[in-house]
């Protein structure tokens, strides 16, 4: 929430079996250039009506980073949802333009590079254009404020 009333956005929802199968396929075929990586997965025996506390969890043979269950890395699984989410307006500007703006400050870049990237973001926002003159004016005001924030942060 930037300011004002909180807004709840649509969560990512997918069939559990489909997401699990995609995750397993991704995991089994993720070797890349490491032919020694063990991409096997142990699937526990399942039975109806398990005893309380019984775990039915797939376990990878090798997962040093603890990334096995993270479906965000599966190519294409969340692509449509991410595209729709990043088109969502936040303070009058689509989220896809806010992400690079916030990244400007997380990487310790020199002032000139930050200013150049901010100009690039502003250009993209302006090129997207808004048919409504009021929305376009709001966009310009926001871009001016963002430039001022960058100037203040770099002093």
Foldseek 3Di string as FASTA:
>chain_A
DPDDDDDDDDDDDDDPVVLVVLLLVCLQPVCPPPPPDQSDKDFDDDDPPDDPPDDGDIGGPDDPPPCSNPSVPRPPPCVVVVVVQQQDDDQLFGNVLVVVLVVLPVPPDALVVSVVVLVVSLVVRVVVPDPDVVSVVSSVVVSVVSVVVSVVVND
